[in-house]
Amino acid sequence: IDMRRRLDKRIKMYTGDDFNYAELIAGDNQGFSHALLGIFDAIAPAASYALSRLAAGDEAGFHDVLGPTVPLSRHIFKAPTRFYK
């Protein structure tokens, strides 16, 4: 988040954080991160719907859909990551 705030506004920040992506994508009043995540392969339908909720201004709906996927992502990408589950 700190790094994203230091970037020029014309530069996009892509999160590769498979542990905290929901909050990074939702962002705050100072910006948000674009998503570039391995977990999106496993949760594509949910991620697509969640992002559509966010685009429609429904942040609660976004978190309702995407939030429950975070524990799965944390499990899949826990160390050692060379042994993706």
C-alpha atoms as a PDB file:
ATOM      1  CA  ILE A   1       0.000   0.000   0.000  1.00  0.00           C
ATOM      2  CA  ASP A   2       2.835   2.361   0.877  1.00  0.00           C
ATOM      3  CA  MET A   3       4.606   1.626  -2.391  1.00  0.00           C
ATOM      4  CA  ARG A   4       1.398   2.112  -4.400  1.00  0.00           C
ATOM      5  CA  ARG A   5       0.932   5.542  -2.812  1.00  0.00           C
ATOM      6  CA  ARG A   6       4.429   6.585  -3.855  1.00  0.00           C
ATOM      7  CA  LEU A   7       3.880   5.786  -7.526  1.00  0.00           C
ATOM      8  CA  ASP A   8       2.881   8.315 -10.143  1.00  0.00           C
ATOM      9  CA  LYS A   9      -0.910   8.148 -10.637  1.00  0.00           C
ATOM     10  CA  ARG A  10      -0.366   7.021 -14.240  1.00  0.00           C
ATOM     11  CA  ILE A  11       1.331   3.823 -13.065  1.00  0.00           C
ATOM     12  CA  LYS A  12      -0.778   0.808 -12.186  1.00  0.00           C
ATOM     13  CA  MET A  13       0.097  -1.306  -9.166  1.00  0.00           C
ATOM     14  CA  TYR A  14      -0.605  -5.007  -9.690  1.00  0.00           C
ATOM     15  CA  THR A  15      -0.952  -7.049  -6.541  1.00  0.00           C
ATOM     16  CA  GLY A  16       0.570 -10.490  -6.578  1.00  0.00           C
ATOM     17  CA  ASP A  17      -0.323 -10.900  -2.904  1.00  0.00           C
ATOM     18  CA  ASP A  18      -2.285 -14.154  -2.681  1.00  0.00           C
ATOM     19  CA  PHE A  19      -2.787 -13.607   1.071  1.00  0.00           C
ATOM     20  CA  ASN A  20      -4.407 -10.140   1.297  1.00  0.00           C
ATOM     21  CA  TYR A  21      -5.716  -9.470  -2.204  1.00  0.00           C
ATOM     22  CA  ALA A  22      -9.298  -8.558  -1.314  1.00  0.00           C
ATOM     23  CA  GLU A  23      -8.320  -5.476   0.691  1.00  0.00           C
ATOM     24  CA  LEU A  24      -5.644  -4.461  -1.826  1.00  0.00           C
ATOM     25  CA  ILE A  25      -8.043  -4.666  -4.771  1.00  0.00           C
ATOM     26  CA  ALA A  26     -10.848  -2.865  -2.914  1.00  0.00           C
ATOM     27  CA  GLY A  27      -8.381  -0.149  -1.950  1.00  0.00           C
ATOM     28  CA  ASP A  28      -9.179   2.989  -0.050  1.00  0.00           C
ATOM     29  CA  ASN A  29      -9.704   6.673  -0.711  1.00  0.00           C
ATOM     30  CA  GLN A  30      -6.059   6.949  -1.833  1.00  0.00           C
ATOM     31  CA  GLY A  31      -6.095   4.199  -4.448  1.00  0.00           C
ATOM     32  CA  PHE A  32      -6.282   0.487  -5.157  1.00  0.00           C
ATOM     33  CA  SER A  33      -4.226  -2.321  -6.655  1.00  0.00           C
ATOM     34  CA  HIS A  34      -5.019  -4.111  -9.878  1.00  0.00           C
ATOM     35  CA  ALA A  35      -5.057  -7.879  -9.596  1.00  0.00           C
ATOM     36  CA  LEU A  36      -2.511 -10.244 -11.076  1.00  0.00           C
ATOM     37  CA  LEU A  37      -3.027 -13.353  -9.006  1.00  0.00           C
ATOM     38  CA  GLY A  38      -2.472 -17.064  -9.314  1.00  0.00           C
ATOM     39  CA  ILE A  39      -5.578 -17.776  -7.233  1.00  0.00           C
ATOM     40  CA  PHE A  40      -7.798 -16.205  -9.899  1.00  0.00           C
ATOM     41  CA  ASP A  41      -7.322 -19.357 -11.983  1.00  0.00           C
ATOM     42  CA  ALA A  42      -9.001 -21.429  -9.263  1.00  0.00           C
ATOM     43  CA  ILE A  43     -11.750 -18.920  -8.430  1.00  0.00           C
ATOM     44  CA  ALA A  44     -12.371 -17.278 -11.811  1.00  0.00           C
ATOM     45  CA  PRO A  45     -16.208 -17.224 -11.666  1.00  0.00           C
ATOM     46  CA  ALA A  46     -16.244 -15.843  -8.117  1.00  0.00           C
ATOM     47  CA  ALA A  47     -13.502 -13.321  -8.880  1.00  0.00           C
ATOM     48  CA  SER A  48     -15.307 -12.124 -11.988  1.00  0.00           C
ATOM     49  CA  TYR A  49     -18.555 -11.643 -10.105  1.00  0.00           C
ATOM     50  CA  ALA A  50     -16.818  -9.964  -7.149  1.00  0.00           C
ATOM     51  CA  LEU A  51     -15.031  -7.525  -9.458  1.00  0.00           C
ATOM     52  CA  SER A  52     -18.321  -6.714 -11.179  1.00  0.00           C
ATOM     53  CA  ARG A  53     -19.809  -5.887  -7.758  1.00  0.00           C
ATOM     54  CA  LEU A  54     -16.872  -3.598  -6.997  1.00  0.00           C
ATOM     55  CA  ALA A  55     -17.182  -1.876 -10.380  1.00  0.00           C
ATOM     56  CA  ALA A  56     -20.867  -1.282  -9.612  1.00  0.00           C
ATOM     57  CA  GLY A  57     -19.929   0.433  -6.342  1.00  0.00           C
ATOM     58  CA  ASP A  58     -20.988  -2.496  -4.137  1.00  0.00           C
ATOM     59  CA  GLU A  59     -17.892  -2.904  -1.970  1.00  0.00           C
ATOM     60  CA  ALA A  60     -19.767  -4.993   0.602  1.00  0.00           C
ATOM     61  CA  GLY A  61     -20.910  -7.378  -2.131  1.00  0.00           C
ATOM     62  CA  PHE A  62     -17.340  -7.558  -3.421  1.00  0.00           C
ATOM     63  CA  HIS A  63     -16.069  -8.577   0.018  1.00  0.00           C
ATOM     64  CA  ASP A  64     -18.985 -10.991   0.547  1.00  0.00           C
ATOM     65  CA  VAL A  65     -17.973 -12.888  -2.601  1.00  0.00           C
ATOM     66  CA  LEU A  66     -14.181 -12.549  -2.584  1.00  0.00           C
ATOM     67  CA  GLY A  67     -13.531 -12.624   1.166  1.00  0.00           C
ATOM     68  CA  PRO A  68     -14.328 -16.336   1.592  1.00  0.00           C
ATOM     69  CA  THR A  69     -11.796 -17.206  -1.135  1.00  0.00           C
ATOM     70  CA  VAL A  70      -8.841 -15.758   0.787  1.00  0.00           C
ATOM     71  CA  PRO A  71      -8.385 -18.749   3.146  1.00  0.00           C
ATOM     72  CA  LEU A  72      -8.269 -21.087   0.119  1.00  0.00           C
ATOM     73  CA  SER A  73      -5.622 -18.920  -1.490  1.00  0.00           C
ATOM     74  CA  ARG A  74      -3.602 -18.798   1.712  1.00  0.00           C
ATOM     75  CA  HIS A  75      -3.682 -22.588   1.824  1.00  0.00           C
ATOM     76  CA  ILE A  76      -2.760 -23.114  -1.833  1.00  0.00           C
ATOM     77  CA  PHE A  77       0.109 -20.632  -1.703  1.00  0.00           C
ATOM     78  CA  LYS A  78       1.523 -21.377   1.738  1.00  0.00           C
ATOM     79  CA  ALA A  79       5.141 -22.382   1.955  1.00  0.00           C
ATOM     80  CA  PRO A  80       6.691 -24.165   0.309  1.00  0.00           C
ATOM     81  CA  THR A  81       5.066 -22.634  -2.775  1.00  0.00           C
ATOM     82  CA  ARG A  82       6.969 -24.905  -5.144  1.00  0.00           C
ATOM     83  CA  PHE A  83       4.446 -27.562  -3.994  1.00  0.00           C
ATOM     84  CA  TYR A  84       1.240 -25.754  -4.931  1.00  0.00           C
ATOM     85  CA  LYS A  85      -1.575 -27.789  -3.487  1.00  0.00           C
END
